Amino acid sequence: GVMQQYKSSGVASDVNFGAGYRTESWGIDASTYHDPFNGEACFSFSLLYFPRDWIVVKKLDLDKPQIMLEKALESISLEDNIVTYDDKIEVYGKAKPGVDVYINGARVAIMPDNTFKTIVPLKLQKNLIIVEARYEGEKKVWKYKVLRKAKVKIADEAKVKDLGKKKESVEELVTMGVIEITPEANFVMEAGITRGELASWLVKAADMKLPEVPKDLFADVPKNHPLAPYIKVVVDLKLLQPFPDGTFRPDAVVSKSEGEAIFKKFGMVK
């Protein structure tokens, strides 16, 4: 480097120079420069010695956002694959200070003691509850699956053999939307199934797409009949056939032989 100093006698210029060499445990430095206060040239020399055992390395315990978010929630009431009959679920827990909690996109109020509590509505069948912890622009996401099952009341439960398994099967069908039951109604286990009911159950269970019905299907099934799309599907697939008089009779009870023939087409045993 070059140093210039303005004096009454003129401008004084000097060259500054330094060099050094270092190994793993020692080093040497030398430099020459101009001292502006004393107005003279100076020279310095130093020898360094630093063996490895003199070097102390300490890992800093910093709570970075991405590290903190792994444990941002000290506790939460949710767990994966919850099964419930309720139409809502209470979610509560405790977050670390400064952490914001979002559940299904909505921010949850955090109490002064860092606890939180909220109610999440549940739809029939499968629900996904997404919990987010956000801190200083970073976020961590947890996903919990909750199955809301339909609660079914069986009429004359005392008279039904093997009630537990049968009730569970009916609840699964209602949960899937194959069978529709109003909350205040009882399911009669031993009651017959009508042709219209069976048509809707088969289509829903197979998850078939409902077609448009531009005209009346049969004398007793007009195009605006609520079961017309389902009846059209099962008739087109020849699962159920109309009667010779041109009627379908959606309210007629399915016979045992007719039911067995249908399930045989589906590849199902008795």
C-alpha atoms as a PDB file:
ATOM      1  CA  GLY A   1       0.000   0.000   0.000  1.00  0.00           C
ATOM      2  CA  VAL A   2       1.020   3.652  -0.418  1.00  0.00           C
ATOM      3  CA  MET A   3       0.537   6.274   2.288  1.00  0.00           C
ATOM      4  CA  GLN A   4       0.580  10.031   1.641  1.00  0.00           C
ATOM      5  CA  GLN A   5       0.847  12.658   4.374  1.00  0.00           C
ATOM      6  CA  TYR A   6       0.337  16.382   3.782  1.00  0.00           C
ATOM      7  CA  LYS A   7       2.809  18.602   5.637  1.00  0.00           C
ATOM      8  CA  SER A   8       3.735  22.273   5.523  1.00  0.00           C
ATOM      9  CA  SER A   9       6.888  21.290   3.693  1.00  0.00           C
ATOM     10  CA  GLY A  10       4.981  19.282   1.118  1.00  0.00           C
ATOM     11  CA  VAL A  11       3.574  15.788   0.593  1.00  0.00           C
ATOM     12  CA  ALA A  12       5.414  12.812   2.078  1.00  0.00           C
ATOM     13  CA  SER A  13       4.828   9.389   0.490  1.00  0.00           C
ATOM     14  CA  ASP A  14       5.769   6.014   1.958  1.00  0.00           C
ATOM     15  CA  VAL A  15       5.222   2.398   0.992  1.00  0.00           C
ATOM     16  CA  ASN A  16       3.537   0.081   3.479  1.00  0.00           C
ATOM     17  CA  PHE A  17       4.281  -3.618   3.190  1.00  0.00           C
ATOM     18  CA  GLY A  18       3.431  -6.754   5.155  1.00  0.00           C
ATOM     19  CA  ALA A  19       3.884 -10.510   4.756  1.00  0.00           C
ATOM     20  CA  GLY A  20       3.200 -13.609   6.791  1.00  0.00           C
ATOM     21  CA  TYR A  21       3.423 -17.371   6.762  1.00  0.00           C
ATOM     22  CA  ARG A  22       1.388 -19.876   8.794  1.00  0.00           C
ATOM     23  CA  THR A  23       1.471 -23.635   9.388  1.00  0.00           C
ATOM     24  CA  GLU A  24      -0.892 -25.799  11.464  1.00  0.00           C
ATOM     25  CA  SER A  25       0.744 -24.838  14.767  1.00  0.00           C
ATOM     26  CA  TRP A  26       2.959 -21.774  14.231  1.00  0.00           C
ATOM     27  CA  GLY A  27       3.262 -18.645  12.099  1.00  0.00           C
ATOM     28  CA  ILE A  28       5.466 -15.639  11.354  1.00  0.00           C
ATOM     29  CA  ASP A  29       4.557 -12.059  10.335  1.00  0.00           C
ATOM     30  CA  ALA A  30       6.649  -9.032   9.279  1.00  0.00           C
ATOM     31  CA  SER A  31       5.570  -5.563   8.187  1.00  0.00           C
ATOM     32  CA  THR A  32       6.930  -2.098   7.484  1.00  0.00           C
ATOM     33  CA  TYR A  33       4.932   1.123   7.543  1.00  0.00           C
ATOM     34  CA  HIS A  34       5.139   4.884   8.105  1.00  0.00           C
ATOM     35  CA  ASP A  35       4.122   6.328  11.469  1.00  0.00           C
ATOM     36  CA  PRO A  36       2.404   9.671  10.672  1.00  0.00           C
ATOM     37  CA  PHE A  37       2.573  10.955  14.233  1.00  0.00           C
ATOM     38  CA  ASN A  38       6.301  10.518  14.700  1.00  0.00           C
ATOM     39  CA  GLY A  39       7.090  11.026  11.029  1.00  0.00           C
ATOM     40  CA  GLU A  40       9.306   7.955  10.821  1.00  0.00           C
ATOM     41  CA  ALA A  41       9.355   4.523   9.254  1.00  0.00           C
ATOM     42  CA  CYS A  42       8.569   1.533  11.496  1.00  0.00           C
ATOM     43  CA  PHE A  43       9.135  -2.197  11.240  1.00  0.00           C
ATOM     44  CA  SER A  44       7.376  -5.011  13.168  1.00  0.00           C
ATOM     45  CA  PHE A  45       8.046  -8.703  13.493  1.00  0.00           C
ATOM     46  CA  SER A  46       5.998 -11.394  15.317  1.00  0.00           C
ATOM     47  CA  LEU A  47       6.178 -15.120  15.877  1.00  0.00           C
ATOM     48  CA  LEU A  48       2.996 -17.132  16.563  1.00  0.00           C
ATOM     49  CA  TYR A  49       2.670 -20.508  18.226  1.00  0.00           C
ATOM     50  CA  PHE A  50      -0.704 -22.298  18.687  1.00  0.00           C
ATOM     51  CA  PRO A  51      -0.690 -26.101  19.091  1.00  0.00           C
ATOM     52  CA  ARG A  52      -3.967 -27.994  18.461  1.00  0.00           C
ATOM     53  CA  ASP A  53      -4.558 -28.741  22.140  1.00  0.00           C
ATOM     54  CA  TRP A  54      -4.752 -25.008  22.815  1.00  0.00           C
ATOM     55  CA  ILE A  55      -7.716 -24.603  20.445  1.00  0.00           C
ATOM     56  CA  VAL A  56     -11.110 -24.913  22.141  1.00  0.00           C
ATOM     57  CA  VAL A  57     -14.171 -25.534  19.933  1.00  0.00           C
ATOM     58  CA  LYS A  58     -17.588 -25.143  21.564  1.00  0.00           C
ATOM     59  CA  LYS A  59     -20.823 -25.805  19.719  1.00  0.00           C
ATOM     60  CA  LEU A  60     -23.289 -22.993  20.286  1.00  0.00           C
ATOM     61  CA  ASP A  61     -26.718 -24.132  21.489  1.00  0.00           C
ATOM     62  CA  LEU A  62     -28.834 -21.901  19.246  1.00  0.00           C
ATOM     63  CA  ASP A  63     -32.574 -22.438  18.794  1.00  0.00           C
ATOM     64  CA  LYS A  64     -32.846 -21.768  15.089  1.00  0.00           C
ATOM     65  CA  PRO A  65     -36.391 -21.597  13.653  1.00  0.00           C
ATOM     66  CA  GLN A  66     -36.137 -24.796  11.606  1.00  0.00           C
ATOM     67  CA  ILE A  67     -34.714 -26.685  14.586  1.00  0.00           C
ATOM     68  CA  MET A  68     -37.199 -25.211  17.053  1.00  0.00           C
ATOM     69  CA  LEU A  69     -40.198 -26.040  14.861  1.00  0.00           C
ATOM     70  CA  GLU A  70     -39.503 -29.750  15.125  1.00  0.00           C
ATOM     71  CA  LYS A  71     -40.524 -29.413  18.775  1.00  0.00           C
ATOM     72  CA  ALA A  72     -42.734 -26.351  18.416  1.00  0.00           C
ATOM     73  CA  LEU A  73     -45.714 -28.156  19.931  1.00  0.00           C
ATOM     74  CA  GLU A  74     -45.035 -29.398  23.422  1.00  0.00           C
ATOM     75  CA  SER A  75     -48.289 -31.389  23.351  1.00  0.00           C
ATOM     76  CA  ILE A  76     -51.355 -31.939  21.161  1.00  0.00           C
ATOM     77  CA  SER A  77     -54.463 -34.044  21.685  1.00  0.00           C
ATOM     78  CA  LEU A  78     -54.488 -35.459  18.140  1.00  0.00           C
ATOM     79  CA  GLU A  79     -53.080 -38.734  16.938  1.00  0.00           C
ATOM     80  CA  ASP A  80     -53.232 -40.387  13.530  1.00  0.00           C
ATOM     81  CA  ASN A  81     -56.102 -42.648  12.412  1.00  0.00           C
ATOM     82  CA  ILE A  82     -58.662 -41.596  15.020  1.00  0.00           C
ATOM     83  CA  VAL A  83     -62.106 -43.226  14.661  1.00  0.00           C
ATOM     84  CA  THR A  84     -65.106 -41.428  16.153  1.00  0.00           C
ATOM     85  CA  TYR A  85     -68.886 -41.194  15.880  1.00  0.00           C
ATOM     86  CA  ASP A  86     -68.955 -37.473  16.794  1.00  0.00           C
ATOM     87  CA  ASP A  87     -69.569 -34.723  14.245  1.00  0.00           C
ATOM     88  CA  LYS A  88     -66.758 -32.628  15.760  1.00  0.00           C
ATOM     89  CA  ILE A  89     -63.494 -33.098  17.575  1.00  0.00           C
ATOM     90  CA  GLU A  90     -61.805 -30.939  20.205  1.00  0.00           C
ATOM     91  CA  VAL A  91     -58.176 -30.162  19.492  1.00  0.00           C
ATOM     92  CA  TYR A  92     -56.043 -28.789  22.305  1.00  0.00           C
ATOM     93  CA  GLY A  93     -52.399 -28.625  23.281  1.00  0.00           C
ATOM     94  CA  LYS A  94     -49.491 -26.355  24.185  1.00  0.00           C
ATOM     95  CA  ALA A  95     -47.052 -24.491  21.920  1.00  0.00           C
ATOM     96  CA  LYS A  96     -43.642 -23.024  22.616  1.00  0.00           C
ATOM     97  CA  PRO A  97     -43.483 -19.269  23.242  1.00  0.00           C
ATOM     98  CA  GLY A  98     -43.719 -17.179  20.078  1.00  0.00           C
ATOM     99  CA  VAL A  99     -45.141 -20.013  17.950  1.00  0.00           C
ATOM    100  CA  ASP A 100     -48.383 -19.453  16.017  1.00  0.00           C
ATOM    101  CA  VAL A 101     -50.667 -22.465  15.509  1.00  0.00           C
ATOM    102  CA  TYR A 102     -52.949 -22.916  12.485  1.00  0.00           C
ATOM    103  CA  ILE A 103     -55.473 -25.750  12.146  1.00  0.00           C
ATOM    104  CA  ASN A 104     -56.904 -26.377   8.676  1.00  0.00           C
ATOM    105  CA  GLY A 105     -55.716 -22.926   7.647  1.00  0.00           C
ATOM    106  CA  ALA A 106     -57.342 -21.030  10.528  1.00  0.00           C
ATOM    107  CA  ARG A 107     -55.213 -19.390  13.213  1.00  0.00           C
ATOM    108  CA  VAL A 108     -55.884 -20.673  16.725  1.00  0.00           C
ATOM    109  CA  ALA A 109     -55.950 -18.359  19.738  1.00  0.00           C
ATOM    110  CA  ILE A 110     -52.951 -18.896  22.051  1.00  0.00           C
ATOM    111  CA  MET A 111     -53.529 -18.308  25.765  1.00  0.00           C
ATOM    112  CA  PRO A 112     -50.989 -16.493  28.005  1.00  0.00           C
ATOM    113  CA  ASP A 113     -49.743 -19.875  29.231  1.00  0.00           C
ATOM    114  CA  ASN A 114     -49.179 -20.926  25.574  1.00  0.00           C
ATOM    115  CA  THR A 115     -52.073 -23.409  25.560  1.00  0.00           C
ATOM    116  CA  PHE A 116     -54.695 -23.551  22.809  1.00  0.00           C
ATOM    117  CA  LYS A 117     -58.071 -25.194  22.246  1.00  0.00           C
ATOM    118  CA  THR A 118     -60.453 -25.279  19.281  1.00  0.00           C
ATOM    119  CA  ILE A 119     -63.296 -27.348  17.811  1.00  0.00           C
ATOM    120  CA  VAL A 120     -62.942 -28.895  14.340  1.00  0.00           C
ATOM    121  CA  PRO A 121     -66.147 -30.053  12.560  1.00  0.00           C
ATOM    122  CA  LEU A 122     -66.064 -33.497  10.962  1.00  0.00           C
ATOM    123  CA  LYS A 123     -67.844 -34.704   7.859  1.00  0.00           C
ATOM    124  CA  LEU A 124     -68.957 -38.279   7.414  1.00  0.00           C
ATOM    125  CA  GLN A 125     -66.208 -40.608   6.196  1.00  0.00           C
ATOM    126  CA  LYS A 126     -62.551 -39.518   6.139  1.00  0.00           C
ATOM    127  CA  ASN A 127     -61.275 -36.189   7.456  1.00  0.00           C
ATOM    128  CA  LEU A 128     -57.796 -34.674   7.279  1.00  0.00           C
ATOM    129  CA  ILE A 129     -56.747 -32.272  10.030  1.00  0.00           C
ATOM    130  CA  ILE A 130     -53.691 -30.182   9.114  1.00  0.00           C
ATOM    131  CA  VAL A 131     -51.794 -28.567  11.995  1.00  0.00           C
ATOM    132  CA  GLU A 132     -49.176 -25.894  11.247  1.00  0.00           C
ATOM    133  CA  ALA A 133     -46.637 -24.351  13.624  1.00  0.00           C
ATOM    134  CA  ARG A 134     -45.235 -21.048  12.330  1.00  0.00           C
ATOM    135  CA  TYR A 135     -42.274 -19.116  13.704  1.00  0.00           C
ATOM    136  CA  GLU A 136     -40.305 -16.259  12.123  1.00  0.00           C
ATOM    137  CA  GLY A 137     -41.302 -17.099   8.555  1.00  0.00           C
ATOM    138  CA  GLU A 138     -40.696 -20.837   8.958  1.00  0.00           C
ATOM    139  CA  LYS A 139     -43.383 -23.496   9.405  1.00  0.00           C
ATOM    140  CA  LYS A 140     -43.773 -27.160  10.280  1.00  0.00           C
ATOM    141  CA  VAL A 141     -46.817 -29.194   9.200  1.00  0.00           C
ATOM    142  CA  TRP A 142     -48.404 -32.254  10.806  1.00  0.00           C
ATOM    143  CA  LYS A 143     -51.298 -34.195   9.211  1.00  0.00           C
ATOM    144  CA  TYR A 144     -53.782 -36.335  11.128  1.00  0.00           C
ATOM    145  CA  LYS A 145     -56.418 -38.644   9.603  1.00  0.00           C
ATOM    146  CA  VAL A 146     -59.774 -38.886  11.389  1.00  0.00           C
ATOM    147  CA  LEU A 147     -62.580 -41.254  10.349  1.00  0.00           C
ATOM    148  CA  ARG A 148     -66.059 -40.230  11.369  1.00  0.00           C
ATOM    149  CA  LYS A 149     -68.318 -43.275  11.350  1.00  0.00           C
ATOM    150  CA  ALA A 150     -72.086 -43.195  11.136  1.00  0.00           C
ATOM    151  CA  LYS A 151     -73.871 -44.192  14.302  1.00  0.00           C
ATOM    152  CA  VAL A 152     -76.702 -46.597  13.534  1.00  0.00           C
ATOM    153  CA  LYS A 153     -79.562 -47.608  15.801  1.00  0.00           C
ATOM    154  CA  ILE A 154     -80.682 -51.176  15.209  1.00  0.00           C
ATOM    155  CA  ALA A 155     -84.342 -51.945  15.824  1.00  0.00           C
ATOM    156  CA  ASP A 156     -85.018 -54.950  18.097  1.00  0.00           C
ATOM    157  CA  GLU A 157     -81.311 -55.462  18.850  1.00  0.00           C
ATOM    158  CA  ALA A 158     -82.082 -58.261  21.287  1.00  0.00           C
ATOM    159  CA  LYS A 159     -83.573 -60.346  18.469  1.00  0.00           C
ATOM    160  CA  VAL A 160     -80.629 -59.966  16.092  1.00  0.00           C
ATOM    161  CA  LYS A 161     -78.066 -62.755  16.085  1.00  0.00           C
ATOM    162  CA  ASP A 162     -74.388 -61.815  15.911  1.00  0.00           C
ATOM    163  CA  LEU A 163     -75.379 -58.158  16.381  1.00  0.00           C
ATOM    164  CA  GLY A 164     -71.853 -56.775  16.770  1.00  0.00           C
ATOM    165  CA  LYS A 165     -70.535 -57.801  13.338  1.00  0.00           C
ATOM    166  CA  LYS A 166     -73.796 -57.001  11.551  1.00  0.00           C
ATOM    167  CA  LYS A 167     -74.032 -53.577  13.155  1.00  0.00           C
ATOM    168  CA  GLU A 168     -70.427 -52.812  12.262  1.00  0.00           C
ATOM    169  CA  SER A 169     -71.086 -53.787   8.622  1.00  0.00           C
ATOM    170  CA  VAL A 170     -74.172 -51.556   8.454  1.00  0.00           C
ATOM    171  CA  GLU A 171     -72.233 -48.642   9.994  1.00  0.00           C
ATOM    172  CA  GLU A 172     -69.521 -49.043   7.352  1.00  0.00           C
ATOM    173  CA  LEU A 173     -72.083 -48.963   4.550  1.00  0.00           C
ATOM    174  CA  VAL A 174     -73.785 -45.887   6.015  1.00  0.00           C
ATOM    175  CA  THR A 175     -70.407 -44.204   6.511  1.00  0.00           C
ATOM    176  CA  MET A 176     -69.514 -44.866   2.854  1.00  0.00           C
ATOM    177  CA  GLY A 177     -72.843 -43.384   1.796  1.00  0.00           C
ATOM    178  CA  VAL A 178     -74.083 -46.654   0.306  1.00  0.00           C
ATOM    179  CA  ILE A 179     -77.029 -46.752   2.705  1.00  0.00           C
ATOM    180  CA  GLU A 180     -78.785 -43.561   3.736  1.00  0.00           C
ATOM    181  CA  ILE A 181     -80.442 -43.406   7.166  1.00  0.00           C
ATOM    182  CA  THR A 182     -81.817 -40.303   8.845  1.00  0.00           C
ATOM    183  CA  PRO A 183     -80.419 -39.679  12.347  1.00  0.00           C
ATOM    184  CA  GLU A 184     -83.758 -40.264  14.032  1.00  0.00           C
ATOM    185  CA  ALA A 185     -84.525 -43.526  12.178  1.00  0.00           C
ATOM    186  CA  ASN A 186     -83.753 -47.071  13.249  1.00  0.00           C
ATOM    187  CA  PHE A 187     -82.277 -49.627  10.868  1.00  0.00           C
ATOM    188  CA  VAL A 188     -84.388 -52.785  10.735  1.00  0.00           C
ATOM    189  CA  MET A 189     -81.855 -55.572  10.287  1.00  0.00           C
ATOM    190  CA  GLU A 190     -84.365 -58.240   9.235  1.00  0.00           C
ATOM    191  CA  ALA A 191     -86.437 -56.015   6.948  1.00  0.00           C
ATOM    192  CA  GLY A 192     -86.558 -56.665   3.229  1.00  0.00           C
ATOM    193  CA  ILE A 193     -84.709 -54.559   0.662  1.00  0.00           C
ATOM    194  CA  THR A 194     -86.692 -52.919  -2.103  1.00  0.00           C
ATOM    195  CA  ARG A 195     -85.588 -53.017  -5.721  1.00  0.00           C
ATOM    196  CA  GLY A 196     -85.090 -49.263  -5.704  1.00  0.00           C
ATOM    197  CA  GLU A 197     -82.954 -49.403  -2.541  1.00  0.00           C
ATOM    198  CA  LEU A 198     -80.862 -52.229  -3.925  1.00  0.00           C
ATOM    199  CA  ALA A 199     -80.279 -50.307  -7.150  1.00  0.00           C
ATOM    200  CA  SER A 200     -78.936 -47.287  -5.264  1.00  0.00           C
ATOM    201  CA  TRP A 201     -76.824 -49.452  -2.935  1.00  0.00           C
ATOM    202  CA  LEU A 202     -75.168 -51.309  -5.820  1.00  0.00           C
ATOM    203  CA  VAL A 203     -74.332 -48.122  -7.732  1.00  0.00           C
ATOM    204  CA  LYS A 204     -72.989 -46.333  -4.666  1.00  0.00           C
ATOM    205  CA  ALA A 205     -70.954 -49.337  -3.489  1.00  0.00           C
ATOM    206  CA  ALA A 206     -69.345 -49.642  -6.950  1.00  0.00           C
ATOM    207  CA  ASP A 207     -68.797 -45.857  -7.077  1.00  0.00           C
ATOM    208  CA  MET A 208     -70.384 -45.660 -10.516  1.00  0.00           C
ATOM    209  CA  LYS A 209     -71.053 -42.374 -12.255  1.00  0.00           C
ATOM    210  CA  LEU A 210     -74.710 -41.396 -12.431  1.00  0.00           C
ATOM    211  CA  PRO A 211     -76.015 -40.830 -15.973  1.00  0.00           C
ATOM    212  CA  GLU A 212     -78.533 -38.262 -17.151  1.00  0.00           C
ATOM    213  CA  VAL A 213     -82.122 -39.476 -17.543  1.00  0.00           C
ATOM    214  CA  PRO A 214     -83.630 -37.484 -20.437  1.00  0.00           C
ATOM    215  CA  LYS A 215     -86.928 -39.426 -20.560  1.00  0.00           C
ATOM    216  CA  ASP A 216     -89.135 -41.661 -18.411  1.00  0.00           C
ATOM    217  CA  LEU A 217     -87.598 -45.080 -17.841  1.00  0.00           C
ATOM    218  CA  PHE A 218     -90.692 -47.097 -17.002  1.00  0.00           C
ATOM    219  CA  ALA A 219     -94.359 -46.546 -16.295  1.00  0.00           C
ATOM    220  CA  ASP A 220     -93.621 -46.338 -12.558  1.00  0.00           C
ATOM    221  CA  VAL A 221     -90.180 -44.649 -12.853  1.00  0.00           C
ATOM    222  CA  PRO A 222     -90.483 -41.188 -14.434  1.00  0.00           C
ATOM    223  CA  LYS A 223     -87.323 -39.289 -15.363  1.00  0.00           C
ATOM    224  CA  ASN A 224     -87.631 -37.079 -12.260  1.00  0.00           C
ATOM    225  CA  HIS A 225     -87.863 -40.055  -9.877  1.00  0.00           C
ATOM    226  CA  PRO A 226     -85.084 -39.722  -7.221  1.00  0.00           C
ATOM    227  CA  LEU A 227     -83.869 -43.249  -7.991  1.00  0.00           C
ATOM    228  CA  ALA A 228     -84.129 -42.983 -11.782  1.00  0.00           C
ATOM    229  CA  PRO A 229     -80.318 -42.594 -12.416  1.00  0.00           C
ATOM    230  CA  TYR A 230     -79.553 -45.601 -10.196  1.00  0.00           C
ATOM    231  CA  ILE A 231     -82.246 -47.740 -11.811  1.00  0.00           C
ATOM    232  CA  LYS A 232     -80.973 -46.836 -15.289  1.00  0.00           C
ATOM    233  CA  VAL A 233     -77.450 -48.025 -14.364  1.00  0.00           C
ATOM    234  CA  VAL A 234     -78.533 -51.411 -12.947  1.00  0.00           C
ATOM    235  CA  VAL A 235     -80.909 -52.030 -15.852  1.00  0.00           C
ATOM    236  CA  ASP A 236     -78.253 -51.166 -18.447  1.00  0.00           C
ATOM    237  CA  LEU A 237     -75.853 -53.546 -16.666  1.00  0.00           C
ATOM    238  CA  LYS A 238     -78.638 -56.168 -16.511  1.00  0.00           C
ATOM    239  CA  LEU A 239     -78.309 -56.500 -12.763  1.00  0.00           C
ATOM    240  CA  LEU A 240     -82.034 -55.847 -12.347  1.00  0.00           C
ATOM    241  CA  GLN A 241     -84.612 -56.270 -15.090  1.00  0.00           C
ATOM    242  CA  PRO A 242     -88.043 -54.667 -15.562  1.00  0.00           C
ATOM    243  CA  PHE A 243     -91.199 -56.756 -15.453  1.00  0.00           C
ATOM    244  CA  PRO A 244     -93.032 -57.860 -18.622  1.00  0.00           C
ATOM    245  CA  ASP A 245     -95.761 -55.276 -18.043  1.00  0.00           C
ATOM    246  CA  GLY A 246     -93.235 -52.443 -18.507  1.00  0.00           C
ATOM    247  CA  THR A 247     -92.847 -51.585 -14.831  1.00  0.00           C
ATOM    248  CA  PHE A 248     -89.765 -51.689 -12.602  1.00  0.00           C
ATOM    249  CA  ARG A 249     -91.572 -51.694  -9.257  1.00  0.00           C
ATOM    250  CA  PRO A 250     -88.922 -49.833  -7.202  1.00  0.00           C
ATOM    251  CA  ASP A 251     -90.907 -50.376  -3.981  1.00  0.00           C
ATOM    252  CA  ALA A 252     -91.175 -54.164  -4.406  1.00  0.00           C
ATOM    253  CA  VAL A 253     -89.065 -56.271  -2.046  1.00  0.00           C
ATOM    254  CA  VAL A 254     -86.169 -58.157  -3.639  1.00  0.00           C
ATOM    255  CA  SER A 255     -86.574 -61.917  -3.414  1.00  0.00           C
ATOM    256  CA  LYS A 256     -83.856 -64.147  -1.989  1.00  0.00           C
ATOM    257  CA  SER A 257     -83.182 -65.819  -5.354  1.00  0.00           C
ATOM    258  CA  GLU A 258     -83.022 -62.476  -7.120  1.00  0.00           C
ATOM    259  CA  GLY A 259     -80.577 -61.133  -4.551  1.00  0.00           C
ATOM    260  CA  GLU A 260     -78.325 -64.189  -4.800  1.00  0.00           C
ATOM    261  CA  ALA A 261     -78.240 -63.903  -8.598  1.00  0.00           C
ATOM    262  CA  ILE A 262     -77.192 -60.256  -8.372  1.00  0.00           C
ATOM    263  CA  PHE A 263     -74.421 -60.909  -5.857  1.00  0.00           C
ATOM    264  CA  LYS A 264     -73.201 -63.784  -8.018  1.00  0.00           C
ATOM    265  CA  LYS A 265     -72.732 -61.336 -10.903  1.00  0.00           C
ATOM    266  CA  PHE A 266     -70.660 -59.185  -8.550  1.00  0.00           C
ATOM    267  CA  GLY A 267     -68.487 -62.214  -7.765  1.00  0.00           C
ATOM    268  CA  MET A 268     -69.640 -62.317  -4.140  1.00  0.00           C
ATOM    269  CA  VAL A 269     -70.416 -65.398  -2.079  1.00  0.00           C
ATOM    270  CA  LYS A 270     -73.472 -65.650   0.141  1.00  0.00           C
END
